[in-house]
Amino acid sequence: MFTLYCDDSGTHPKSDIAVAACYISTAEQWEYLKKNWEEANARYQFGVFHMAEFVGKYKQFSAPDWNVQAKRDRTIRALINLIKTRVLIGFSAVVVKSAYDDVIVDSKLRQKYGDNHYAFAVRLCTSLIDRWRQKHKYDQPIRYVFDQQSEGKGDINYLFERLLMGEKDAERRYGVYKNCWSFQDRAQDVQLQAADIWAWENFRYMRDCVLTDGAKKAVRRSYLALRESPTQVRYHNRKSLEELVVRASESISD
C-alpha cells in the first residue's frame, strides 16, 4: 500500500496563494524516513521542523546557534536528501486565491472544485495522481494523511466523500477507499514535516518567481534540489484558471 502525506502553505487569510503539496511512498520507505528523520533531529536538534519558522528564524530557530549559516545549510540539506532518498514522487498544486474567486463562479464548477482554495489544490493533486497511477499501472490503494492543523478539513472530507460517491472507480483512479484519509499531528508523523518543506518551497517559488511583476528572484537552491526527484506540479494564475474553466465547462456540457 502507498501512503500520501499532504501539507498546505499560504492558507492563512493574508496570503493570496494557496498550496497543497504531497509526497507518496511505500509504507516501508516511510518507516525508513521516520527513523532517519529522528536520527537527523538527534544530530541537529531542530525539534518539530516547520519550514516557515526555520527560514524566518523564530520559535526554536531564534536561538543563537541557528544563526550559524553552516548549521542551517547542513540541516536543510540533510532533510532534503532524506526526502529524495525515501519518497517515490511529489505532487503540488498552487492557486492564486483572488483569481480563483473571480474565475470559478459557475455553480456547477463550485460544486465540483469547492469554495476552499486548499481543497481545490488537493483536488488538483488527485488529478495528477490519477494520471500517474494510470501511466504506471498502479492499482494499490492509497492512505491519505493530512496535517491536523490544515485549513478546510470539512472541505477535504467533502471532497473525498464526493470522490467515493461520484466515481465508481475511485480506488482505481485515485487509490481512494472508505476511511482512507485522516488528519494527524506532524510532531508524531514526521513525514508531514517533509511535506511541509515541499509546500513552503512551492509557495515561495510561485510568489517570487512566477507572480512577481518586478524583477524575479533567483530560484531557491532547496527548491531546485527537491525538483531533482520525480515531481509533478501545477501553478494556476488567472489565465490558466480561465483555460481550466473552458475545459471543465465543455466536459460538463457533454
Foldseek 3Di string as FASTA:
>chain_A
DKEKEWEWPQQPPVRQKIKIKIFIAHPVLLVVLVVQVVVLCVVLVPAQDFPVCLVVCDDVSVDPVNVPVVSSVVSLVSNLVSCQVRTQEMEMEMERNVLCVVQQDDPVSCVLQHDRPNSNGVVVRLQVQLVVCVVVVDQAAYQYEYAQPHPDPVSNVVNLVCLVVVPVVSCRRRSRDPPSYDHDHCSVSVSNSSNSVQNVLVVCCCVQPPPDPDDGDDRDPSNVSNVVHHYYYHYDYNVVSNVVCVVVVVVVVD
